[in-house]
Protein backbone atom coordinates (compact mmCIF):
# COMPACT_ATOMS: atom_id res chain seq x y z
CA UNK A 1 0.00 0.00 0.00
CA UNK A 2 1.16 3.51 -0.76
CA UNK A 3 -0.26 6.82 0.26
CA UNK A 4 -2.23 8.41 -2.57
CA UNK A 5 0.32 11.21 -2.88
CA UNK A 6 3.27 8.79 -3.31
CA UNK A 7 1.40 6.64 -5.83
CA UNK A 8 0.85 9.63 -8.12
CA UNK A 9 4.56 10.38 -8.41
CA UNK A 10 4.09 14.07 -7.62
CA UNK A 11 3.49 16.86 -10.12
CA UNK A 12 0.27 18.02 -11.68
CA UNK A 13 -2.70 19.30 -9.71
CA UNK A 14 -2.76 18.55 -6.01
CA UNK A 15 -5.21 15.76 -5.22
CA UNK A 16 -8.45 16.75 -3.51
CA UNK A 17 -9.49 15.47 -0.11
CA UNK A 18 -11.40 12.19 -0.24
CA UNK A 19 -13.64 10.26 2.07
CA UNK A 20 -12.41 7.01 3.59
CA UNK A 21 -14.49 4.22 2.11
CA UNK A 22 -14.95 2.60 5.55
CA UNK A 23 -15.70 5.50 7.91
CA UNK A 24 -16.59 8.30 5.44
CA UNK A 25 -14.23 10.69 7.22
CA UNK A 26 -12.74 13.31 4.86
CA UNK A 27 -8.97 12.85 4.71
CA UNK A 28 -6.14 14.71 2.96
CA UNK A 29 -4.61 12.68 0.11
CA UNK A 30 -1.24 12.52 1.90
CA UNK A 31 -2.90 10.56 4.74
CA UNK A 32 -4.90 8.09 2.64
CA UNK A 33 -3.96 4.50 1.91
CA UNK A 34 -4.69 3.23 -1.59
CA UNK A 35 -5.87 -0.37 -1.43
CA UNK A 36 -5.81 -2.32 -4.69
CA UNK A 37 -7.65 -5.62 -4.81
CA UNK A 38 -7.33 -8.23 -7.55
CA UNK A 39 -9.24 -11.51 -7.28
CA UNK A 40 -7.46 -14.80 -7.87
CA UNK A 41 -7.77 -16.22 -11.37
CA UNK A 42 -10.41 -18.71 -10.24
CA UNK A 43 -12.74 -15.85 -9.21
CA UNK A 44 -11.86 -13.30 -11.90
CA UNK A 45 -15.04 -13.94 -13.88
CA UNK A 46 -17.17 -13.18 -10.84
CA UNK A 47 -15.20 -10.29 -9.24
CA UNK A 48 -13.52 -7.26 -10.80
CA UNK A 49 -10.33 -5.53 -9.71
CA UNK A 50 -11.03 -2.64 -7.34
CA UNK A 51 -9.29 0.36 -5.81
CA UNK A 52 -10.42 1.88 -2.51
CA UNK A 53 -9.00 4.66 -0.35
CA UNK A 54 -9.01 4.53 3.43
CA UNK A 55 -7.68 6.53 6.36
CA UNK A 56 -4.80 5.53 8.62
CA UNK A 57 -7.13 4.41 11.42
CA UNK A 58 -9.18 2.11 9.21
CA UNK A 59 -6.06 0.64 7.57
CA UNK A 60 -4.68 -0.11 11.04
CA UNK A 61 -8.05 -1.53 12.13
CA UNK A 62 -7.94 -3.96 9.21
CA UNK A 63 -4.30 -4.77 10.10
CA UNK A 64 -3.20 -3.61 6.65
CA UNK A 65 -0.41 -1.26 7.68
CA UNK A 66 3.10 -2.12 8.75
CA UNK A 67 5.26 0.36 10.59
CA UNK A 68 8.51 1.51 9.02
CA UNK A 69 11.78 0.29 10.52
CA UNK A 70 12.40 3.80 11.89
CA UNK A 71 9.10 3.83 13.83
CA UNK A 72 9.66 0.31 15.16
CA UNK A 73 13.18 1.18 16.35
CA UNK A 74 11.92 4.28 18.15
CA UNK A 75 9.25 2.21 19.93
CA UNK A 76 11.73 -0.33 21.37
CA UNK A 77 12.94 0.14 24.93
CA UNK A 78 16.15 2.18 25.09
CA UNK A 79 18.34 -0.75 26.31
CA UNK A 80 17.08 -2.97 23.49
CA UNK A 81 17.97 -0.28 20.90
CA UNK A 82 21.58 -0.06 22.07
CA UNK A 83 22.02 -3.85 22.11
CA UNK A 84 20.42 -4.14 18.67
PDB file of N, CA and C in Angstrom:
ATOM      1  N   UNK A   1       0.830  -1.172   0.000  1.00  0.00           N
ATOM      2  CA  UNK A   1       0.000   0.000   0.000  1.00  0.00           C
ATOM      3  C   UNK A   1       0.875   1.235   0.000  1.00  0.00           C
ATOM      4  N   UNK A   2       0.458   2.245  -0.732  1.00  0.00           N
ATOM      5  CA  UNK A   2       1.158   3.510  -0.757  1.00  0.00           C
ATOM      6  C   UNK A   2       0.145   4.594  -0.424  1.00  0.00           C
ATOM      7  N   UNK A   3       0.650   5.703   0.109  1.00  0.00           N
ATOM      8  CA  UNK A   3      -0.256   6.825   0.263  1.00  0.00           C
ATOM      9  C   UNK A   3      -0.622   7.302  -1.136  1.00  0.00           C
ATOM     10  N   UNK A   4      -1.765   7.949  -1.265  1.00  0.00           N
ATOM     11  CA  UNK A   4      -2.231   8.414  -2.569  1.00  0.00           C
ATOM     12  C   UNK A   4      -1.214   9.361  -3.185  1.00  0.00           C
ATOM     13  N   UNK A   5      -0.639  10.243  -2.390  1.00  0.00           N
ATOM     14  CA  UNK A   5       0.319  11.209  -2.879  1.00  0.00           C
ATOM     15  C   UNK A   5       1.542  10.521  -3.473  1.00  0.00           C
ATOM     16  N   UNK A   6       2.096   9.499  -2.801  1.00  0.00           N
ATOM     17  CA  UNK A   6       3.270   8.788  -3.306  1.00  0.00           C
ATOM     18  C   UNK A   6       2.938   7.999  -4.557  1.00  0.00           C
ATOM     19  N   UNK A   7       1.734   7.458  -4.666  1.00  0.00           N
ATOM     20  CA  UNK A   7       1.399   6.637  -5.828  1.00  0.00           C
ATOM     21  C   UNK A   7       1.238   7.473  -7.093  1.00  0.00           C
ATOM     22  N   UNK A   8       1.017   8.759  -6.958  1.00  0.00           N
ATOM     23  CA  UNK A   8       0.853   9.629  -8.120  1.00  0.00           C
ATOM     24  C   UNK A   8       2.181  10.119  -8.678  1.00  0.00           C
ATOM     25  N   UNK A   9       3.252   9.962  -7.924  1.00  0.00           N
ATOM     26  CA  UNK A   9       4.557  10.380  -8.412  1.00  0.00           C
ATOM     27  C   UNK A   9       4.770  11.887  -8.405  1.00  0.00           C
ATOM     28  N   UNK A  10       3.927  12.631  -7.710  1.00  0.00           N
ATOM     29  CA  UNK A  10       4.089  14.075  -7.624  1.00  0.00           C
ATOM     30  C   UNK A  10       3.726  14.766  -8.927  1.00  0.00           C
ATOM     31  N   UNK A  11       3.780  16.077  -8.921  1.00  0.00           N
ATOM     32  CA  UNK A  11       3.494  16.858 -10.122  1.00  0.00           C
ATOM     33  C   UNK A  11       2.011  16.976 -10.387  1.00  0.00           C
ATOM     34  N   UNK A  12       1.667  17.830 -11.310  1.00  0.00           N
ATOM     35  CA  UNK A  12       0.267  18.023 -11.675  1.00  0.00           C
ATOM     36  C   UNK A  12      -0.521  18.738 -10.593  1.00  0.00           C
ATOM     37  N   UNK A  13      -1.827  18.680 -10.703  1.00  0.00           N
ATOM     38  CA  UNK A  13      -2.702  19.300  -9.714  1.00  0.00           C
ATOM     39  C   UNK A  13      -2.646  18.546  -8.396  1.00  0.00           C
ATOM     40  N   UNK A  14      -2.712  19.272  -7.273  1.00  0.00           N
ATOM     41  CA  UNK A  14      -2.759  18.554  -6.007  1.00  0.00           C
ATOM     42  C   UNK A  14      -4.073  17.774  -5.903  1.00  0.00           C
ATOM     43  N   UNK A  15      -4.005  16.584  -5.356  1.00  0.00           N
ATOM     44  CA  UNK A  15      -5.210  15.758  -5.216  1.00  0.00           C
ATOM     45  C   UNK A  15      -6.151  16.377  -4.192  1.00  0.00           C
ATOM     46  N   UNK A  16      -7.442  16.232  -4.437  1.00  0.00           N
ATOM     47  CA  UNK A  16      -8.454  16.749  -3.505  1.00  0.00           C
ATOM     48  C   UNK A  16      -8.651  15.785  -2.350  1.00  0.00           C
ATOM     49  N   UNK A  17      -9.162  16.326  -1.244  1.00  0.00           N
ATOM     50  CA  UNK A  17      -9.495  15.470  -0.111  1.00  0.00           C
ATOM     51  C   UNK A  17     -10.525  14.445  -0.546  1.00  0.00           C
ATOM     52  N   UNK A  18     -10.475  13.276   0.059  1.00  0.00           N
ATOM     53  CA  UNK A  18     -11.404  12.191  -0.243  1.00  0.00           C
ATOM     54  C   UNK A  18     -11.989  11.676   1.051  1.00  0.00           C
ATOM     55  N   UNK A  19     -13.048  10.916   0.914  1.00  0.00           N
ATOM     56  CA  UNK A  19     -13.638  10.256   2.073  1.00  0.00           C
ATOM     57  C   UNK A  19     -13.102   8.836   2.152  1.00  0.00           C
ATOM     58  N   UNK A  20     -12.804   8.399   3.361  1.00  0.00           N
ATOM     59  CA  UNK A  20     -12.405   7.010   3.590  1.00  0.00           C
ATOM     60  C   UNK A  20     -13.604   6.127   3.252  1.00  0.00           C
ATOM     61  N   UNK A  21     -13.363   5.059   2.524  1.00  0.00           N
ATOM     62  CA  UNK A  21     -14.487   4.217   2.106  1.00  0.00           C
ATOM     63  C   UNK A  21     -15.120   3.468   3.277  1.00  0.00           C
ATOM     64  N   UNK A  22     -14.406   3.338   4.398  1.00  0.00           N
ATOM     65  CA  UNK A  22     -14.952   2.600   5.548  1.00  0.00           C
ATOM     66  C   UNK A  22     -15.695   3.507   6.522  1.00  0.00           C
ATOM     67  N   UNK A  23     -15.096   4.665   6.873  1.00  0.00           N
ATOM     68  CA  UNK A  23     -15.702   5.501   7.913  1.00  0.00           C
ATOM     69  C   UNK A  23     -16.276   6.816   7.374  1.00  0.00           C
ATOM     70  N   UNK A  24     -16.105   7.083   6.092  1.00  0.00           N
ATOM     71  CA  UNK A  24     -16.594   8.301   5.435  1.00  0.00           C
ATOM     72  C   UNK A  24     -15.973   9.591   5.955  1.00  0.00           C
ATOM     73  N   UNK A  25     -14.907   9.490   6.738  1.00  0.00           N
ATOM     74  CA  UNK A  25     -14.225  10.693   7.219  1.00  0.00           C
ATOM     75  C   UNK A  25     -13.444  11.299   6.058  1.00  0.00           C
ATOM     76  N   UNK A  26     -13.489  12.621   5.908  1.00  0.00           N
ATOM     77  CA  UNK A  26     -12.744  13.309   4.864  1.00  0.00           C
ATOM     78  C   UNK A  26     -11.282  13.383   5.293  1.00  0.00           C
ATOM     79  N   UNK A  27     -10.394  12.969   4.393  1.00  0.00           N
ATOM     80  CA  UNK A  27      -8.970  12.854   4.708  1.00  0.00           C
ATOM     81  C   UNK A  27      -8.149  13.480   3.584  1.00  0.00           C
ATOM     82  N   UNK A  28      -7.062  14.155   3.957  1.00  0.00           N
ATOM     83  CA  UNK A  28      -6.143  14.712   2.959  1.00  0.00           C
ATOM     84  C   UNK A  28      -5.481  13.567   2.192  1.00  0.00           C
ATOM     85  N   UNK A  29      -5.209  13.747   0.922  1.00  0.00           N
ATOM     86  CA  UNK A  29      -4.605  12.683   0.112  1.00  0.00           C
ATOM     87  C   UNK A  29      -3.306  12.134   0.697  1.00  0.00           C
ATOM     88  N   UNK A  30      -2.517  12.981   1.345  1.00  0.00           N
ATOM     89  CA  UNK A  30      -1.239  12.518   1.900  1.00  0.00           C
ATOM     90  C   UNK A  30      -1.424  11.553   3.065  1.00  0.00           C
ATOM     91  N   UNK A  31      -2.639  11.452   3.606  1.00  0.00           N
ATOM     92  CA  UNK A  31      -2.902  10.562   4.741  1.00  0.00           C
ATOM     93  C   UNK A  31      -3.785   9.373   4.363  1.00  0.00           C
ATOM     94  N   UNK A  32      -4.056   9.210   3.083  1.00  0.00           N
ATOM     95  CA  UNK A  32      -4.896   8.092   2.639  1.00  0.00           C
ATOM     96  C   UNK A  32      -4.065   6.905   2.175  1.00  0.00           C
ATOM     97  N   UNK A  33      -4.539   5.719   2.457  1.00  0.00           N
ATOM     98  CA  UNK A  33      -3.958   4.505   1.910  1.00  0.00           C
ATOM     99  C   UNK A  33      -4.753   4.131   0.669  1.00  0.00           C
ATOM    100  N   UNK A  34      -4.058   3.722  -0.371  1.00  0.00           N
ATOM    101  CA  UNK A  34      -4.695   3.229  -1.591  1.00  0.00           C
ATOM    102  C   UNK A  34      -4.640   1.711  -1.504  1.00  0.00           C
ATOM    103  N   UNK A  35      -5.782   1.080  -1.535  1.00  0.00           N
ATOM    104  CA  UNK A  35      -5.867  -0.370  -1.433  1.00  0.00           C
ATOM    105  C   UNK A  35      -6.331  -0.906  -2.780  1.00  0.00           C
ATOM    106  N   UNK A  36      -5.485  -1.716  -3.397  1.00  0.00           N
ATOM    107  CA  UNK A  36      -5.807  -2.320  -4.691  1.00  0.00           C
ATOM    108  C   UNK A  36      -6.095  -3.793  -4.470  1.00  0.00           C
ATOM    109  N   UNK A  37      -7.224  -4.236  -4.977  1.00  0.00           N
ATOM    110  CA  UNK A  37      -7.653  -5.618  -4.811  1.00  0.00           C
ATOM    111  C   UNK A  37      -7.776  -6.272  -6.184  1.00  0.00           C
ATOM    112  N   UNK A  38      -7.205  -7.447  -6.319  1.00  0.00           N
ATOM    113  CA  UNK A  38      -7.335  -8.234  -7.546  1.00  0.00           C
ATOM    114  C   UNK A  38      -7.714  -9.649  -7.132  1.00  0.00           C
ATOM    115  N   UNK A  39      -8.825 -10.150  -7.656  1.00  0.00           N
ATOM    116  CA  UNK A  39      -9.240 -11.505  -7.282  1.00  0.00           C
ATOM    117  C   UNK A  39      -8.306 -12.554  -7.876  1.00  0.00           C
ATOM    118  N   UNK A  40      -8.259 -13.724  -7.266  1.00  0.00           N
ATOM    119  CA  UNK A  40      -7.460 -14.800  -7.865  1.00  0.00           C
ATOM    120  C   UNK A  40      -8.097 -15.212  -9.197  1.00  0.00           C
ATOM    121  N   UNK A  41      -7.313 -15.837 -10.033  1.00  0.00           N
ATOM    122  CA  UNK A  41      -7.775 -16.219 -11.373  1.00  0.00           C
ATOM    123  C   UNK A  41      -9.070 -17.024 -11.322  1.00  0.00           C
ATOM    124  N   UNK A  42      -9.212 -17.871 -10.325  1.00  0.00           N
ATOM    125  CA  UNK A  42     -10.410 -18.714 -10.240  1.00  0.00           C
ATOM    126  C   UNK A  42     -11.685 -17.920  -9.967  1.00  0.00           C
ATOM    127  N   UNK A  43     -11.561 -16.685  -9.488  1.00  0.00           N
ATOM    128  CA  UNK A  43     -12.741 -15.853  -9.205  1.00  0.00           C
ATOM    129  C   UNK A  43     -12.832 -14.617 -10.103  1.00  0.00           C
ATOM    130  N   UNK A  44     -11.921 -14.495 -11.059  1.00  0.00           N
ATOM    131  CA  UNK A  44     -11.858 -13.298 -11.895  1.00  0.00           C
ATOM    132  C   UNK A  44     -13.099 -13.075 -12.746  1.00  0.00           C
ATOM    133  N   UNK A  45     -13.805 -14.125 -13.104  1.00  0.00           N
ATOM    134  CA  UNK A  45     -15.036 -13.937 -13.884  1.00  0.00           C
ATOM    135  C   UNK A  45     -16.163 -13.367 -13.030  1.00  0.00           C
ATOM    136  N   UNK A  46     -16.108 -13.621 -11.747  1.00  0.00           N
ATOM    137  CA  UNK A  46     -17.171 -13.176 -10.840  1.00  0.00           C
ATOM    138  C   UNK A  46     -16.870 -11.808 -10.227  1.00  0.00           C
ATOM    139  N   UNK A  47     -15.581 -11.522  -9.924  1.00  0.00           N
ATOM    140  CA  UNK A  47     -15.200 -10.286  -9.237  1.00  0.00           C
ATOM    141  C   UNK A  47     -14.231  -9.473 -10.081  1.00  0.00           C
ATOM    142  N   UNK A  48     -14.406  -8.164 -10.064  1.00  0.00           N
ATOM    143  CA  UNK A  48     -13.525  -7.259 -10.804  1.00  0.00           C
ATOM    144  C   UNK A  48     -12.439  -6.718  -9.880  1.00  0.00           C
ATOM    145  N   UNK A  49     -11.351  -6.235 -10.479  1.00  0.00           N
ATOM    146  CA  UNK A  49     -10.334  -5.534  -9.709  1.00  0.00           C
ATOM    147  C   UNK A  49     -10.977  -4.286  -9.110  1.00  0.00           C
ATOM    148  N   UNK A  50     -10.466  -3.834  -7.980  1.00  0.00           N
ATOM    149  CA  UNK A  50     -11.033  -2.644  -7.339  1.00  0.00           C
ATOM    150  C   UNK A  50      -9.934  -1.837  -6.666  1.00  0.00           C
ATOM    151  N   UNK A  51     -10.171  -0.537  -6.539  1.00  0.00           N
ATOM    152  CA  UNK A  51      -9.293   0.364  -5.806  1.00  0.00           C
ATOM    153  C   UNK A  51     -10.159   1.112  -4.807  1.00  0.00           C
ATOM    154  N   UNK A  52      -9.715   1.139  -3.564  1.00  0.00           N
ATOM    155  CA  UNK A  52     -10.417   1.879  -2.511  1.00  0.00           C
ATOM    156  C   UNK A  52      -9.396   2.718  -1.766  1.00  0.00           C
ATOM    157  N   UNK A  53      -9.858   3.780  -1.138  1.00  0.00           N
ATOM    158  CA  UNK A  53      -8.999   4.656  -0.347  1.00  0.00           C
ATOM    159  C   UNK A  53      -9.504   4.656   1.086  1.00  0.00           C
ATOM    160  N   UNK A  54      -8.578   4.498   2.033  1.00  0.00           N
ATOM    161  CA  UNK A  54      -9.008   4.530   3.432  1.00  0.00           C
ATOM    162  C   UNK A  54      -8.008   5.303   4.283  1.00  0.00           C
ATOM    163  N   UNK A  55      -8.488   5.740   5.439  1.00  0.00           N
ATOM    164  CA  UNK A  55      -7.677   6.529   6.358  1.00  0.00           C
ATOM    165  C   UNK A  55      -6.727   5.623   7.143  1.00  0.00           C
ATOM    166  N   UNK A  56      -5.803   6.239   7.833  1.00  0.00           N
ATOM    167  CA  UNK A  56      -4.803   5.526   8.622  1.00  0.00           C
ATOM    168  C   UNK A  56      -5.459   4.645   9.687  1.00  0.00           C
ATOM    169  N   UNK A  57      -6.465   5.167  10.364  1.00  0.00           N
ATOM    170  CA  UNK A  57      -7.127   4.405  11.417  1.00  0.00           C
ATOM    171  C   UNK A  57      -7.823   3.166  10.893  1.00  0.00           C
ATOM    172  N   UNK A  58      -8.488   3.268   9.777  1.00  0.00           N
ATOM    173  CA  UNK A  58      -9.176   2.105   9.209  1.00  0.00           C
ATOM    174  C   UNK A  58      -8.181   1.087   8.664  1.00  0.00           C
ATOM    175  N   UNK A  59      -7.089   1.562   8.048  1.00  0.00           N
ATOM    176  CA  UNK A  59      -6.056   0.638   7.565  1.00  0.00           C
ATOM    177  C   UNK A  59      -5.467  -0.138   8.741  1.00  0.00           C
ATOM    178  N   UNK A  60      -5.218   0.551   9.848  1.00  0.00           N
ATOM    179  CA  UNK A  60      -4.685  -0.112  11.040  1.00  0.00           C
ATOM    180  C   UNK A  60      -5.717  -1.071  11.617  1.00  0.00           C
ATOM    181  N   UNK A  61      -6.983  -0.674  11.613  1.00  0.00           N
ATOM    182  CA  UNK A  61      -8.047  -1.526  12.133  1.00  0.00           C
ATOM    183  C   UNK A  61      -8.219  -2.806  11.336  1.00  0.00           C
ATOM    184  N   UNK A  62      -7.877  -2.767  10.060  1.00  0.00           N
ATOM    185  CA  UNK A  62      -7.940  -3.964   9.215  1.00  0.00           C
ATOM    186  C   UNK A  62      -6.605  -4.697   9.208  1.00  0.00           C
ATOM    187  N   UNK A  63      -5.651  -4.197  10.015  1.00  0.00           N
ATOM    188  CA  UNK A  63      -4.304  -4.774  10.104  1.00  0.00           C
ATOM    189  C   UNK A  63      -3.608  -4.782   8.747  1.00  0.00           C
ATOM    190  N   UNK A  64      -3.795  -3.704   7.990  1.00  0.00           N
ATOM    191  CA  UNK A  64      -3.202  -3.609   6.653  1.00  0.00           C
ATOM    192  C   UNK A  64      -1.937  -2.771   6.614  1.00  0.00           C
ATOM    193  N   UNK A  65      -1.579  -2.126   7.720  1.00  0.00           N
ATOM    194  CA  UNK A  65      -0.409  -1.260   7.679  1.00  0.00           C
ATOM    195  C   UNK A  65       0.716  -1.836   8.533  1.00  0.00           C
ATOM    196  N   UNK A  66       1.911  -1.759   8.002  1.00  0.00           N
ATOM    197  CA  UNK A  66       3.105  -2.121   8.746  1.00  0.00           C
ATOM    198  C   UNK A  66       3.838  -0.829   9.073  1.00  0.00           C
ATOM    199  N   UNK A  67       4.495  -0.812  10.213  1.00  0.00           N
ATOM    200  CA  UNK A  67       5.258   0.365  10.587  1.00  0.00           C
ATOM    201  C   UNK A  67       6.630   0.301   9.937  1.00  0.00           C
ATOM    202  N   UNK A  68       7.172   1.456   9.615  1.00  0.00           N
ATOM    203  CA  UNK A  68       8.508   1.510   9.024  1.00  0.00           C
ATOM    204  C   UNK A  68       9.532   1.085  10.069  1.00  0.00           C
ATOM    205  N   UNK A  69      10.705   0.689   9.609  1.00  0.00           N
ATOM    206  CA  UNK A  69      11.781   0.288  10.519  1.00  0.00           C
ATOM    207  C   UNK A  69      12.120   1.406  11.496  1.00  0.00           C
ATOM    208  N   UNK A  70      12.073   2.657  11.038  1.00  0.00           N
ATOM    209  CA  UNK A  70      12.399   3.798  11.891  1.00  0.00           C
ATOM    210  C   UNK A  70      11.405   3.914  13.047  1.00  0.00           C
ATOM    211  N   UNK A  71      10.114   3.749  12.773  1.00  0.00           N
ATOM    212  CA  UNK A  71       9.103   3.828  13.832  1.00  0.00           C
ATOM    213  C   UNK A  71       9.249   2.667  14.802  1.00  0.00           C
ATOM    214  N   UNK A  72       9.502   1.474  14.286  1.00  0.00           N
ATOM    215  CA  UNK A  72       9.659   0.315  15.164  1.00  0.00           C
ATOM    216  C   UNK A  72      10.870   0.473  16.072  1.00  0.00           C
ATOM    217  N   UNK A  73      11.975   0.979  15.547  1.00  0.00           N
ATOM    218  CA  UNK A  73      13.181   1.179  16.349  1.00  0.00           C
ATOM    219  C   UNK A  73      12.936   2.191  17.465  1.00  0.00           C
ATOM    220  N   UNK A  74      12.197   3.256  17.148  1.00  0.00           N
ATOM    221  CA  UNK A  74      11.916   4.280  18.154  1.00  0.00           C
ATOM    222  C   UNK A  74      10.993   3.759  19.254  1.00  0.00           C
ATOM    223  N   UNK A  75      10.204   2.747  18.953  1.00  0.00           N
ATOM    224  CA  UNK A  75       9.252   2.214  19.930  1.00  0.00           C
ATOM    225  C   UNK A  75       9.886   1.196  20.878  1.00  0.00           C
ATOM    226  N   UNK A  76      11.054   0.655  20.511  1.00  0.00           N
ATOM    227  CA  UNK A  76      11.725  -0.335  21.366  1.00  0.00           C
ATOM    228  C   UNK A  76      12.260   0.330  22.623  1.00  0.00           C
ATOM    229  N   UNK A  77      12.324  -0.415  23.711  1.00  0.00           N
ATOM    230  CA  UNK A  77      12.940   0.140  24.929  1.00  0.00           C
ATOM    231  C   UNK A  77      14.390   0.562  24.643  1.00  0.00           C
ATOM    232  N   UNK A  78      14.835   1.592  25.339  1.00  0.00           N
ATOM    233  CA  UNK A  78      16.153   2.179  25.088  1.00  0.00           C
ATOM    234  C   UNK A  78      17.272   1.126  25.170  1.00  0.00           C
ATOM    235  N   UNK A  79      17.264   0.238  26.183  1.00  0.00           N
ATOM    236  CA  UNK A  79      18.340  -0.746  26.310  1.00  0.00           C
ATOM    237  C   UNK A  79      18.326  -1.747  25.159  1.00  0.00           C
ATOM    238  N   UNK A  80      17.174  -2.050  24.621  1.00  0.00           N
ATOM    239  CA  UNK A  80      17.077  -2.969  23.493  1.00  0.00           C
ATOM    240  C   UNK A  80      17.634  -2.333  22.228  1.00  0.00           C
ATOM    241  N   UNK A  81      17.445  -0.996  22.070  1.00  0.00           N
ATOM    242  CA  UNK A  81      17.966  -0.284  20.896  1.00  0.00           C
ATOM    243  C   UNK A  81      19.489  -0.281  20.885  1.00  0.00           C
ATOM    244  N   UNK A  82      20.129  -0.124  22.031  1.00  0.00           N
ATOM    245  CA  UNK A  82      21.582  -0.061  22.070  1.00  0.00           C
ATOM    246  C   UNK A  82      22.221  -1.429  21.928  1.00  0.00           C
ATOM    247  N   UNK A  83      21.484  -2.506  22.238  1.00  0.00           N
ATOM    248  CA  UNK A  83      22.019  -3.852  22.106  1.00  0.00           C
ATOM    249  C   UNK A  83      21.770  -4.429  20.730  1.00  0.00           C
ATOM    250  N   UNK A  84      20.911  -3.769  19.933  1.00  0.00           N
ATOM    251  CA  UNK A  84      20.420  -4.138  18.672  1.00  0.00           C
ATOM    252  C   UNK A  84      21.107  -4.982  17.781  1.00  0.00           C
TER     253      UNK A  84
END
